[in-house]
């Protein structure tokens, strides 16, 4: 990359640190930004800074929000007796887009993965138990991904929640084994949420 000016090389290096972006794609993006108008480049820069300054975790569900609590948790038209547990904010967004769920959420920010050093203490499990203990929750719908780690997380949560007077359900058929919610189409997600079953 010696043939590029230093400032462009720096931009390419920063862009290549983004997930899924290799050096070639980073170079293409950097050149696109270079060709963009000054106004477009400033708008991109400002939006990155704004996200870093304004976005925080919701104080109740731990989804992404500019307010605490978030607009979903504050919405009185949602069913606050049903909590859907997901791994990541992107999974919450996928379910919201499907329109299949009208309750509230709880974002764990990961899944159990002993091989990667991620145990229950690294996830928002304690906060989920506090919500179940203190709130009006009647059902916890486990919508973790259907891979090995997601299934292990769902099983772990089901075991813990047995001691509380809540119905524990698991996202139903329609989600393929090993599939991530954020990559599924809206119809599949809707069917899976509508057919959730009691988790044994």
N, C-alpha and C. Protein backbone atom coordinates (compact mmCIF):
# COMPACT_ATOMS: atom_id res chain seq x y z
N UNK A 1 0.83 -1.21 0.00
CA UNK A 1 0.00 0.00 0.00
C UNK A 1 0.87 1.27 0.00
N UNK A 2 2.17 1.08 -0.29
CA UNK A 2 3.07 2.23 -0.27
C UNK A 2 2.70 3.26 -1.33
N UNK A 3 1.95 2.79 -2.35
CA UNK A 3 1.59 3.68 -3.45
C UNK A 3 0.47 4.65 -3.09
N UNK A 4 -0.19 4.46 -1.92
CA UNK A 4 -1.22 5.40 -1.46
C UNK A 4 -0.59 6.42 -0.51
N UNK A 5 -1.12 7.63 -0.48
CA UNK A 5 -0.66 8.62 0.52
C UNK A 5 -0.92 8.12 1.94
N UNK A 6 -0.13 8.60 2.89
CA UNK A 6 -0.21 8.12 4.28
C UNK A 6 -1.60 8.26 4.90
N UNK A 7 -2.24 9.40 4.66
CA UNK A 7 -3.57 9.62 5.27
C UNK A 7 -4.58 8.60 4.74
N UNK A 8 -4.48 8.24 3.46
CA UNK A 8 -5.38 7.24 2.88
C UNK A 8 -5.07 5.86 3.43
N UNK A 9 -3.81 5.55 3.61
CA UNK A 9 -3.40 4.27 4.21
C UNK A 9 -3.96 4.14 5.62
N UNK A 10 -3.90 5.23 6.38
CA UNK A 10 -4.44 5.21 7.75
C UNK A 10 -5.94 4.91 7.73
N UNK A 11 -6.67 5.55 6.81
CA UNK A 11 -8.11 5.32 6.70
C UNK A 11 -8.38 3.87 6.33
N UNK A 12 -7.63 3.33 5.38
CA UNK A 12 -7.80 1.93 4.97
C UNK A 12 -7.56 1.00 6.14
N UNK A 13 -6.52 1.27 6.93
CA UNK A 13 -6.22 0.42 8.09
C UNK A 13 -7.34 0.46 9.12
N UNK A 14 -7.90 1.65 9.35
CA UNK A 14 -9.02 1.77 10.30
C UNK A 14 -10.25 1.03 9.79
N UNK A 15 -10.55 1.18 8.51
CA UNK A 15 -11.73 0.51 7.94
C UNK A 15 -11.56 -1.01 7.93
N UNK A 16 -10.34 -1.48 7.72
CA UNK A 16 -10.11 -2.93 7.67
C UNK A 16 -10.24 -3.60 9.04
N UNK A 17 -10.28 -2.80 10.10
CA UNK A 17 -10.50 -3.35 11.45
C UNK A 17 -11.97 -3.67 11.70
N UNK A 18 -12.86 -3.17 10.84
CA UNK A 18 -14.30 -3.45 11.01
C UNK A 18 -14.56 -4.91 10.67
N UNK A 19 -15.51 -5.56 11.37
CA UNK A 19 -15.78 -6.98 11.11
C UNK A 19 -16.27 -7.20 9.68
N UNK A 20 -15.70 -8.21 9.04
CA UNK A 20 -16.11 -8.56 7.69
C UNK A 20 -15.51 -7.70 6.59
N UNK A 21 -14.65 -6.77 6.97
CA UNK A 21 -14.03 -5.87 5.98
C UNK A 21 -12.56 -6.23 5.84
N UNK A 22 -12.18 -6.74 4.67
CA UNK A 22 -10.79 -7.05 4.38
C UNK A 22 -10.09 -5.82 3.83
N UNK A 23 -8.82 -5.98 3.52
CA UNK A 23 -8.01 -4.85 3.05
C UNK A 23 -8.52 -4.31 1.70
N UNK A 24 -8.93 -5.21 0.79
CA UNK A 24 -9.42 -4.77 -0.52
C UNK A 24 -10.71 -3.97 -0.39
N UNK A 25 -11.65 -4.49 0.42
CA UNK A 25 -12.91 -3.77 0.63
C UNK A 25 -12.66 -2.44 1.33
N UNK A 26 -11.74 -2.45 2.31
CA UNK A 26 -11.40 -1.21 3.02
C UNK A 26 -10.83 -0.17 2.05
N UNK A 27 -9.99 -0.61 1.13
CA UNK A 27 -9.43 0.31 0.14
C UNK A 27 -10.52 0.87 -0.76
N UNK A 28 -11.46 0.01 -1.16
CA UNK A 28 -12.57 0.45 -2.00
C UNK A 28 -13.43 1.48 -1.27
N UNK A 29 -13.71 1.24 0.00
CA UNK A 29 -14.50 2.18 0.80
C UNK A 29 -13.76 3.49 0.99
N UNK A 30 -12.47 3.40 1.27
CA UNK A 30 -11.67 4.61 1.48
C UNK A 30 -11.64 5.47 0.22
N UNK A 31 -11.49 4.82 -0.92
CA UNK A 31 -11.48 5.56 -2.19
C UNK A 31 -12.85 6.18 -2.49
N UNK A 32 -13.91 5.46 -2.09
CA UNK A 32 -15.26 6.01 -2.27
C UNK A 32 -15.45 7.27 -1.41
N UNK A 33 -14.98 7.18 -0.15
CA UNK A 33 -15.08 8.33 0.76
C UNK A 33 -14.26 9.50 0.20
N UNK A 34 -13.10 9.20 -0.36
CA UNK A 34 -12.24 10.24 -0.94
C UNK A 34 -12.94 10.95 -2.10
N UNK A 35 -13.68 10.17 -2.91
CA UNK A 35 -14.39 10.74 -4.06
C UNK A 35 -15.67 11.48 -3.66
N UNK A 36 -16.17 11.19 -2.45
CA UNK A 36 -17.41 11.82 -1.98
C UNK A 36 -17.20 13.31 -1.76
N UNK A 37 -18.29 14.03 -1.70
CA UNK A 37 -18.20 15.47 -1.42
C UNK A 37 -17.73 15.70 0.02
N UNK A 38 -17.21 16.87 0.28
CA UNK A 38 -16.80 17.22 1.64
C UNK A 38 -17.98 17.11 2.59
N UNK A 39 -19.15 17.51 2.11
CA UNK A 39 -20.36 17.47 2.94
C UNK A 39 -20.71 16.04 3.33
N UNK A 40 -20.64 15.11 2.37
CA UNK A 40 -20.95 13.70 2.65
C UNK A 40 -19.94 13.11 3.63
N UNK A 41 -18.65 13.45 3.46
CA UNK A 41 -17.62 12.93 4.37
C UNK A 41 -17.81 13.47 5.78
N UNK A 42 -18.17 14.76 5.89
CA UNK A 42 -18.42 15.34 7.21
C UNK A 42 -19.65 14.70 7.86
N UNK A 43 -20.68 14.44 7.06
CA UNK A 43 -21.90 13.82 7.59
C UNK A 43 -21.60 12.42 8.12
N UNK A 44 -20.78 11.65 7.39
CA UNK A 44 -20.38 10.32 7.84
C UNK A 44 -19.61 10.40 9.15
N UNK A 45 -18.64 11.31 9.19
CA UNK A 45 -17.84 11.50 10.40
C UNK A 45 -18.71 11.91 11.59
N UNK A 46 -19.64 12.83 11.35
CA UNK A 46 -20.53 13.31 12.42
C UNK A 46 -21.44 12.20 12.92
N UNK A 47 -21.94 11.36 12.01
CA UNK A 47 -22.84 10.28 12.43
C UNK A 47 -22.11 9.24 13.27
N UNK A 48 -20.83 8.99 12.96
CA UNK A 48 -20.04 8.05 13.77
C UNK A 48 -19.85 8.61 15.18
N UNK A 49 -19.49 9.89 15.28
CA UNK A 49 -19.30 10.52 16.58
C UNK A 49 -20.61 10.59 17.36
N UNK A 50 -21.72 10.86 16.66
CA UNK A 50 -23.02 10.95 17.32
C UNK A 50 -23.43 9.61 17.94
N UNK A 51 -23.20 8.54 17.20
CA UNK A 51 -23.50 7.20 17.71
C UNK A 51 -22.69 6.92 18.98
N UNK A 52 -21.41 7.26 18.95
CA UNK A 52 -20.56 7.03 20.11
C UNK A 52 -20.99 7.86 21.31
N UNK A 53 -21.48 9.06 21.06
CA UNK A 53 -21.87 9.96 22.16
C UNK A 53 -23.26 9.66 22.71
N UNK A 54 -24.20 9.25 21.85
CA UNK A 54 -25.60 9.16 22.26
C UNK A 54 -26.10 7.77 22.59
N UNK A 55 -25.56 6.74 21.94
CA UNK A 55 -26.11 5.40 22.12
C UNK A 55 -25.60 4.80 23.43
N UNK A 56 -26.53 4.24 24.18
CA UNK A 56 -26.21 3.56 25.44
C UNK A 56 -27.09 2.31 25.55
N UNK A 57 -26.88 1.54 26.59
CA UNK A 57 -27.74 0.39 26.83
C UNK A 57 -28.97 0.83 27.61
N UNK A 58 -30.13 0.31 27.22
CA UNK A 58 -31.36 0.57 27.96
C UNK A 58 -31.18 0.06 29.39
N UNK A 59 -31.67 0.81 30.35
CA UNK A 59 -31.51 0.45 31.76
C UNK A 59 -32.36 -0.76 32.16
N UNK A 60 -33.32 -1.16 31.31
CA UNK A 60 -34.17 -2.31 31.63
C UNK A 60 -33.85 -3.53 30.78
N UNK A 61 -33.85 -3.36 29.44
CA UNK A 61 -33.68 -4.52 28.56
C UNK A 61 -32.26 -4.69 28.03
N UNK A 62 -31.43 -3.66 28.15
CA UNK A 62 -30.05 -3.65 27.68
C UNK A 62 -29.93 -3.67 26.16
N UNK A 63 -31.02 -3.26 25.49
CA UNK A 63 -30.94 -3.00 24.06
C UNK A 63 -30.29 -1.65 23.84
N UNK A 64 -30.05 -1.31 22.58
CA UNK A 64 -29.43 -0.03 22.26
C UNK A 64 -30.48 1.08 22.26
N UNK A 65 -30.12 2.22 22.83
CA UNK A 65 -31.10 3.29 22.96
C UNK A 65 -30.41 4.64 23.13
N UNK A 66 -31.14 5.69 22.83
CA UNK A 66 -30.67 7.04 23.13
C UNK A 66 -31.31 7.55 24.41
N UNK A 67 -32.25 6.77 24.94
CA UNK A 67 -32.92 7.13 26.20
C UNK A 67 -32.82 5.95 27.16
N UNK A 68 -33.06 6.21 28.43
CA UNK A 68 -33.07 5.14 29.43
C UNK A 68 -34.30 5.31 30.31
N UNK A 69 -35.27 4.40 30.25
CA UNK A 69 -35.35 3.20 29.41
C UNK A 69 -35.59 3.53 27.93
N UNK A 70 -35.53 2.48 27.09
CA UNK A 70 -35.71 2.66 25.66
C UNK A 70 -37.19 2.83 25.31
N UNK A 71 -37.48 3.16 24.07
CA UNK A 71 -38.86 3.40 23.65
C UNK A 71 -39.73 2.14 23.74
N UNK A 72 -39.14 0.94 23.55
CA UNK A 72 -39.92 -0.30 23.67
C UNK A 72 -40.32 -0.53 25.12
N UNK A 73 -39.38 -0.37 26.03
CA UNK A 73 -39.67 -0.57 27.46
C UNK A 73 -40.66 0.48 27.99
N UNK A 74 -40.64 1.68 27.41
CA UNK A 74 -41.56 2.74 27.84
C UNK A 74 -42.95 2.64 27.23
N UNK A 75 -43.08 1.81 26.19
CA UNK A 75 -44.35 1.72 25.45
C UNK A 75 -45.40 0.96 26.27
N UNK A 76 -46.45 1.67 26.68
CA UNK A 76 -47.50 1.05 27.50
C UNK A 76 -48.38 0.10 26.69
N UNK A 77 -48.30 0.17 25.36
CA UNK A 77 -49.08 -0.72 24.52
C UNK A 77 -48.43 -2.09 24.33
N UNK A 78 -47.19 -2.23 24.79
CA UNK A 78 -46.52 -3.54 24.73
C UNK A 78 -46.96 -4.39 25.90
N UNK A 79 -46.89 -5.71 25.74
CA UNK A 79 -47.23 -6.64 26.82
C UNK A 79 -46.00 -6.83 27.70
N UNK A 80 -45.99 -6.19 28.84
CA UNK A 80 -44.83 -6.24 29.74
C UNK A 80 -44.80 -7.51 30.59
N UNK A 81 -45.76 -8.40 30.38
CA UNK A 81 -45.75 -9.67 31.11
C UNK A 81 -44.96 -10.75 30.36
N UNK A 82 -44.59 -10.47 29.09
CA UNK A 82 -43.81 -11.42 28.29
C UNK A 82 -42.47 -10.79 27.93
N UNK A 83 -41.39 -11.47 28.30
CA UNK A 83 -40.04 -11.00 27.98
C UNK A 83 -39.39 -11.98 27.01
N UNK A 84 -38.92 -11.44 25.90
CA UNK A 84 -38.21 -12.25 24.91
C UNK A 84 -36.71 -12.06 25.12
N UNK A 85 -36.00 -13.15 25.37
CA UNK A 85 -34.56 -13.09 25.62
C UNK A 85 -33.80 -13.36 24.33
N UNK A 86 -32.95 -12.42 23.94
CA UNK A 86 -32.14 -12.56 22.72
C UNK A 86 -30.67 -12.37 23.07
N UNK A 87 -29.82 -12.78 22.15
CA UNK A 87 -28.37 -12.68 22.40
C UNK A 87 -27.84 -11.28 22.17
N UNK A 88 -28.24 -10.66 21.06
CA UNK A 88 -27.65 -9.39 20.65
C UNK A 88 -28.71 -8.36 20.26
N UNK A 89 -28.38 -7.07 20.29
CA UNK A 89 -29.32 -6.04 19.83
C UNK A 89 -29.79 -6.27 18.39
N UNK A 90 -28.93 -6.86 17.55
CA UNK A 90 -29.31 -7.14 16.16
C UNK A 90 -30.44 -8.18 16.09
N UNK A 91 -30.49 -9.11 17.06
CA UNK A 91 -31.57 -10.10 17.11
C UNK A 91 -32.89 -9.42 17.50
N UNK A 92 -32.81 -8.49 18.45
CA UNK A 92 -33.98 -7.69 18.84
C UNK A 92 -34.52 -6.95 17.62
N UNK A 93 -33.63 -6.33 16.87
CA UNK A 93 -34.04 -5.57 15.68
C UNK A 93 -34.71 -6.48 14.65
N UNK A 94 -34.18 -7.70 14.49
CA UNK A 94 -34.77 -8.65 13.53
C UNK A 94 -36.18 -9.04 13.94
N UNK A 95 -36.39 -9.31 15.23
CA UNK A 95 -37.73 -9.67 15.70
C UNK A 95 -38.70 -8.51 15.59
N UNK A 96 -38.23 -7.30 15.90
CA UNK A 96 -39.08 -6.12 15.76
C UNK A 96 -39.50 -5.91 14.31
N UNK A 97 -38.58 -6.13 13.40
CA UNK A 97 -38.86 -5.96 11.97
C UNK A 97 -39.91 -6.96 11.51
N UNK A 98 -39.91 -8.16 12.09
CA UNK A 98 -40.88 -9.19 11.69
C UNK A 98 -42.30 -8.83 12.15
N UNK A 99 -42.41 -8.01 13.21
CA UNK A 99 -43.72 -7.63 13.74
C UNK A 99 -44.42 -8.75 14.49
N UNK A 100 -43.70 -9.82 14.81
CA UNK A 100 -44.32 -11.00 15.41
C UNK A 100 -44.45 -10.92 16.92
N UNK A 101 -43.72 -10.03 17.55
CA UNK A 101 -43.67 -10.01 19.02
C UNK A 101 -44.08 -8.65 19.54
N UNK A 102 -44.99 -8.64 20.51
CA UNK A 102 -45.49 -7.38 21.06
C UNK A 102 -45.21 -7.24 22.56
N UNK A 103 -44.31 -8.09 23.06
CA UNK A 103 -43.90 -7.97 24.46
C UNK A 103 -42.70 -7.06 24.57
N UNK A 104 -41.87 -7.32 25.59
CA UNK A 104 -40.62 -6.57 25.77
C UNK A 104 -39.45 -7.53 25.68
N UNK A 105 -38.26 -7.01 25.71
CA UNK A 105 -37.06 -7.80 25.45
C UNK A 105 -36.07 -7.79 26.62
N UNK A 106 -35.14 -8.73 26.52
CA UNK A 106 -33.96 -8.72 27.40
C UNK A 106 -32.78 -9.19 26.55
N UNK A 107 -31.77 -8.33 26.42
CA UNK A 107 -30.60 -8.64 25.59
C UNK A 107 -29.46 -9.12 26.47
N UNK A 108 -28.98 -10.33 26.21
CA UNK A 108 -27.91 -10.93 27.02
C UNK A 108 -26.53 -10.39 26.66
N UNK A 109 -26.36 -9.93 25.44
CA UNK A 109 -25.06 -9.50 24.90
C UNK A 109 -24.08 -10.66 24.82
N UNK A 110 -24.58 -11.75 24.23
CA UNK A 110 -23.74 -12.91 23.99
C UNK A 110 -24.44 -14.20 24.35
N UNK A 111 -23.69 -15.28 24.27
CA UNK A 111 -24.19 -16.61 24.64
C UNK A 111 -23.09 -17.32 25.42
N UNK A 112 -23.49 -18.30 26.19
CA UNK A 112 -22.51 -19.07 26.97
C UNK A 112 -21.54 -19.76 26.02
N UNK A 113 -20.26 -19.62 26.30
CA UNK A 113 -19.22 -20.22 25.46
C UNK A 113 -17.97 -20.45 26.31
N UNK A 114 -17.96 -21.57 27.07
CA UNK A 114 -16.81 -21.85 27.94
C UNK A 114 -15.47 -21.86 27.19
N UNK A 115 -15.49 -22.31 25.92
CA UNK A 115 -14.26 -22.36 25.11
C UNK A 115 -13.68 -20.96 24.90
N UNK A 116 -14.57 -19.95 24.87
CA UNK A 116 -14.12 -18.57 24.68
C UNK A 116 -14.10 -17.78 25.99
N UNK A 117 -14.26 -18.49 27.10
CA UNK A 117 -14.21 -17.83 28.40
C UNK A 117 -15.45 -17.01 28.75
N UNK A 118 -16.58 -17.31 28.09
CA UNK A 118 -17.82 -16.57 28.37
C UNK A 118 -18.74 -17.44 29.23
N UNK A 119 -18.86 -17.05 30.50
CA UNK A 119 -19.72 -17.76 31.43
C UNK A 119 -20.93 -16.91 31.79
N UNK A 120 -21.80 -17.39 32.67
CA UNK A 120 -23.01 -16.66 33.06
C UNK A 120 -22.73 -15.26 33.59
N UNK A 121 -21.58 -15.09 34.25
CA UNK A 121 -21.24 -13.78 34.83
C UNK A 121 -20.90 -12.75 33.76
N UNK A 122 -20.64 -13.20 32.53
CA UNK A 122 -20.30 -12.28 31.44
C UNK A 122 -21.52 -11.82 30.65
N UNK A 123 -22.67 -12.39 30.95
CA UNK A 123 -23.91 -12.05 30.25
C UNK A 123 -24.86 -11.33 31.21
N UNK A 124 -25.95 -10.80 30.68
CA UNK A 124 -26.93 -10.06 31.49
C UNK A 124 -27.98 -11.01 32.09
N UNK A 125 -27.49 -12.12 32.65
CA UNK A 125 -28.38 -13.13 33.23
C UNK A 125 -28.88 -12.70 34.60
N UNK A 126 -27.99 -12.14 35.40
CA UNK A 126 -28.37 -11.67 36.74
C UNK A 126 -29.49 -10.64 36.64
N UNK A 127 -29.37 -9.74 35.67
CA UNK A 127 -30.38 -8.69 35.48
C UNK A 127 -31.72 -9.29 35.03
N UNK A 128 -31.66 -10.36 34.23
CA UNK A 128 -32.89 -11.04 33.82
C UNK A 128 -33.60 -11.63 35.03
N UNK A 129 -32.85 -12.27 35.90
CA UNK A 129 -33.43 -12.87 37.11
C UNK A 129 -34.04 -11.78 37.99
N UNK A 130 -33.36 -10.65 38.09
CA UNK A 130 -33.91 -9.52 38.87
C UNK A 130 -35.24 -9.04 38.29
N UNK A 131 -35.33 -8.98 36.97
CA UNK A 131 -36.58 -8.57 36.32
C UNK A 131 -37.70 -9.57 36.61
N UNK A 132 -37.36 -10.84 36.55
CA UNK A 132 -38.36 -11.89 36.82
C UNK A 132 -38.81 -11.83 38.27
N UNK A 133 -37.88 -11.59 39.17
CA UNK A 133 -38.17 -11.54 40.61
C UNK A 133 -39.00 -10.31 40.98
N UNK A 134 -38.64 -9.17 40.40
CA UNK A 134 -39.26 -7.91 40.81
C UNK A 134 -40.48 -7.47 40.00
N UNK A 135 -40.63 -8.01 38.83
CA UNK A 135 -41.63 -7.46 37.92
C UNK A 135 -42.91 -8.27 37.82
N UNK A 136 -43.62 -7.97 36.72
CA UNK A 136 -44.92 -8.58 36.46
C UNK A 136 -44.82 -9.67 35.40
N UNK A 137 -43.63 -10.20 35.20
CA UNK A 137 -43.38 -11.14 34.11
C UNK A 137 -44.05 -12.48 34.37
N UNK A 138 -44.80 -12.95 33.33
CA UNK A 138 -45.47 -14.26 33.41
C UNK A 138 -44.85 -15.27 32.46
N UNK A 139 -44.18 -14.77 31.41
CA UNK A 139 -43.56 -15.68 30.44
C UNK A 139 -42.21 -15.13 30.01
N UNK A 140 -41.24 -16.06 29.91
CA UNK A 140 -39.92 -15.72 29.36
C UNK A 140 -39.75 -16.56 28.09
N UNK A 141 -39.71 -15.89 26.95
CA UNK A 141 -39.54 -16.56 25.66
C UNK A 141 -38.07 -16.54 25.29
N UNK A 142 -37.46 -17.71 25.21
CA UNK A 142 -36.03 -17.82 24.92
C UNK A 142 -35.83 -17.84 23.41
N UNK A 143 -35.27 -16.76 22.88
CA UNK A 143 -35.05 -16.63 21.44
C UNK A 143 -33.55 -16.50 21.14
N UNK A 144 -32.75 -17.27 21.88
CA UNK A 144 -31.32 -17.32 21.57
C UNK A 144 -31.17 -18.08 20.26
N UNK A 145 -30.03 -17.90 19.60
CA UNK A 145 -29.79 -18.56 18.32
C UNK A 145 -29.78 -20.08 18.51
N UNK A 146 -29.97 -20.80 17.39
CA UNK A 146 -30.15 -22.25 17.49
C UNK A 146 -28.87 -23.05 17.30
N UNK A 147 -27.72 -22.39 17.36
CA UNK A 147 -26.44 -23.09 17.33
C UNK A 147 -26.15 -23.69 18.70
N UNK A 148 -25.00 -24.33 18.83
CA UNK A 148 -24.63 -25.01 20.07
C UNK A 148 -24.63 -24.05 21.26
N UNK A 149 -24.03 -22.87 21.10
CA UNK A 149 -23.93 -21.92 22.20
C UNK A 149 -25.29 -21.35 22.58
N UNK A 150 -26.12 -21.05 21.57
CA UNK A 150 -27.47 -20.54 21.84
C UNK A 150 -28.33 -21.55 22.55
N UNK A 151 -28.23 -22.82 22.13
CA UNK A 151 -29.00 -23.89 22.77
C UNK A 151 -28.54 -24.11 24.21
N UNK A 152 -27.23 -24.06 24.42
CA UNK A 152 -26.68 -24.22 25.78
C UNK A 152 -27.16 -23.08 26.67
N UNK A 153 -27.20 -21.88 26.14
CA UNK A 153 -27.68 -20.71 26.90
C UNK A 153 -29.15 -20.86 27.25
N UNK A 154 -29.96 -21.30 26.27
CA UNK A 154 -31.39 -21.50 26.51
C UNK A 154 -31.61 -22.56 27.59
N UNK A 155 -30.86 -23.66 27.52
CA UNK A 155 -31.00 -24.73 28.53
C UNK A 155 -30.62 -24.23 29.92
N UNK A 156 -29.53 -23.48 29.98
CA UNK A 156 -29.08 -22.93 31.26
C UNK A 156 -30.14 -22.01 31.86
N UNK A 157 -30.68 -21.13 31.03
CA UNK A 157 -31.71 -20.19 31.51
C UNK A 157 -32.98 -20.93 31.95
N UNK A 158 -33.36 -21.95 31.19
CA UNK A 158 -34.55 -22.72 31.55
C UNK A 158 -34.39 -23.38 32.91
N UNK A 159 -33.19 -23.90 33.18
CA UNK A 159 -32.92 -24.54 34.48
C UNK A 159 -33.03 -23.53 35.62
N UNK A 160 -32.44 -22.36 35.43
CA UNK A 160 -32.47 -21.32 36.46
C UNK A 160 -33.89 -20.82 36.71
N UNK A 161 -34.65 -20.64 35.63
CA UNK A 161 -35.98 -20.05 35.73
C UNK A 161 -37.04 -21.01 36.28
N UNK A 162 -36.69 -22.30 36.41
CA UNK A 162 -37.62 -23.30 36.95
C UNK A 162 -38.12 -22.93 38.34
N UNK A 163 -37.27 -22.26 39.11
CA UNK A 163 -37.62 -21.95 40.50
C UNK A 163 -38.52 -20.72 40.63
N UNK A 164 -38.83 -20.09 39.50
CA UNK A 164 -39.69 -18.90 39.53
C UNK A 164 -41.04 -19.19 38.88
N UNK A 165 -42.09 -18.50 39.33
CA UNK A 165 -43.43 -18.77 38.79
C UNK A 165 -43.66 -18.12 37.41
N UNK A 166 -42.84 -18.52 36.44
CA UNK A 166 -42.98 -18.00 35.08
C UNK A 166 -43.02 -19.16 34.10
N UNK A 167 -43.72 -18.96 33.00
CA UNK A 167 -43.73 -19.94 31.92
C UNK A 167 -42.49 -19.68 31.07
N UNK A 168 -41.72 -20.74 30.79
CA UNK A 168 -40.52 -20.60 29.96
C UNK A 168 -40.80 -21.26 28.62
N UNK A 169 -40.69 -20.47 27.55
CA UNK A 169 -40.91 -21.00 26.21
C UNK A 169 -39.64 -20.84 25.38
N UNK A 170 -39.58 -21.59 24.28
CA UNK A 170 -38.42 -21.54 23.38
C UNK A 170 -38.92 -21.21 21.99
N UNK A 171 -38.18 -20.38 21.26
CA UNK A 171 -38.56 -20.04 19.91
C UNK A 171 -38.76 -21.34 19.11
N UNK A 172 -39.81 -21.38 18.30
CA UNK A 172 -40.26 -22.64 17.71
C UNK A 172 -39.63 -22.93 16.35
N UNK A 173 -40.19 -23.96 15.69
CA UNK A 173 -39.69 -24.39 14.40
C UNK A 173 -39.74 -23.27 13.37
N UNK A 174 -38.91 -23.41 12.38
CA UNK A 174 -38.82 -22.37 11.37
C UNK A 174 -37.43 -21.75 11.39
N UNK A 175 -36.78 -21.83 12.53
CA UNK A 175 -35.40 -21.34 12.64
C UNK A 175 -34.47 -22.54 12.46
N UNK A 176 -33.63 -22.54 11.43
CA UNK A 176 -32.76 -23.70 11.20
C UNK A 176 -31.68 -23.82 12.26
N UNK A 177 -31.27 -25.05 12.53
CA UNK A 177 -30.18 -25.28 13.47
C UNK A 177 -28.93 -24.56 12.97
N UNK A 178 -28.28 -23.86 13.86
CA UNK A 178 -27.07 -23.13 13.50
C UNK A 178 -27.34 -21.78 12.87
N UNK A 179 -28.63 -21.40 12.76
CA UNK A 179 -28.98 -20.13 12.12
C UNK A 179 -28.95 -18.96 13.10
N UNK A 180 -28.57 -17.79 12.61
CA UNK A 180 -28.60 -16.56 13.41
C UNK A 180 -29.86 -15.79 13.05
N UNK A 181 -30.55 -15.27 14.06
CA UNK A 181 -31.82 -14.57 13.83
C UNK A 181 -31.69 -13.42 12.85
N UNK A 182 -30.59 -12.69 12.93
CA UNK A 182 -30.46 -11.49 12.09
C UNK A 182 -30.40 -11.80 10.60
N UNK A 183 -30.14 -13.06 10.23
CA UNK A 183 -30.04 -13.41 8.81
C UNK A 183 -31.31 -14.07 8.27
N UNK A 184 -32.32 -14.27 9.12
CA UNK A 184 -33.54 -14.94 8.69
C UNK A 184 -34.55 -13.96 8.10
N UNK A 185 -35.38 -14.47 7.21
CA UNK A 185 -36.41 -13.62 6.62
C UNK A 185 -37.54 -13.39 7.62
N UNK A 186 -38.34 -12.37 7.37
CA UNK A 186 -39.38 -11.95 8.31
C UNK A 186 -40.47 -13.00 8.51
N UNK A 187 -40.83 -13.72 7.43
CA UNK A 187 -41.88 -14.74 7.52
C UNK A 187 -41.44 -15.88 8.43
N UNK A 188 -40.20 -16.34 8.26
CA UNK A 188 -39.66 -17.41 9.10
C UNK A 188 -39.64 -16.99 10.56
N UNK A 189 -39.19 -15.77 10.82
CA UNK A 189 -39.14 -15.26 12.20
C UNK A 189 -40.53 -15.16 12.80
N UNK A 190 -41.48 -14.68 12.00
CA UNK A 190 -42.85 -14.52 12.50
C UNK A 190 -43.44 -15.89 12.88
N UNK A 191 -43.25 -16.88 11.99
CA UNK A 191 -43.76 -18.23 12.24
C UNK A 191 -43.11 -18.83 13.48
N UNK A 192 -41.80 -18.63 13.63
CA UNK A 192 -41.08 -19.17 14.78
C UNK A 192 -41.58 -18.57 16.08
N UNK A 193 -41.82 -17.25 16.10
CA UNK A 193 -42.30 -16.60 17.32
C UNK A 193 -43.73 -17.02 17.65
N UNK A 194 -44.58 -17.14 16.63
CA UNK A 194 -45.98 -17.51 16.87
C UNK A 194 -46.13 -18.94 17.36
N UNK A 195 -45.16 -19.81 17.02
CA UNK A 195 -45.25 -21.23 17.39
C UNK A 195 -44.33 -21.59 18.54
N UNK A 196 -43.93 -20.63 19.35
CA UNK A 196 -43.05 -20.96 20.46
C UNK A 196 -43.73 -21.94 21.41
N UNK A 197 -42.91 -22.79 22.03
CA UNK A 197 -43.42 -23.87 22.86
C UNK A 197 -42.78 -23.80 24.25
N UNK A 198 -43.39 -24.50 25.20
CA UNK A 198 -42.81 -24.59 26.53
C UNK A 198 -41.48 -25.31 26.45
N UNK A 199 -40.48 -24.76 27.09
CA UNK A 199 -39.13 -25.33 27.06
C UNK A 199 -38.98 -26.32 28.20
N UNK A 200 -38.67 -27.58 27.85
CA UNK A 200 -38.60 -28.64 28.87
C UNK A 200 -37.23 -28.67 29.50
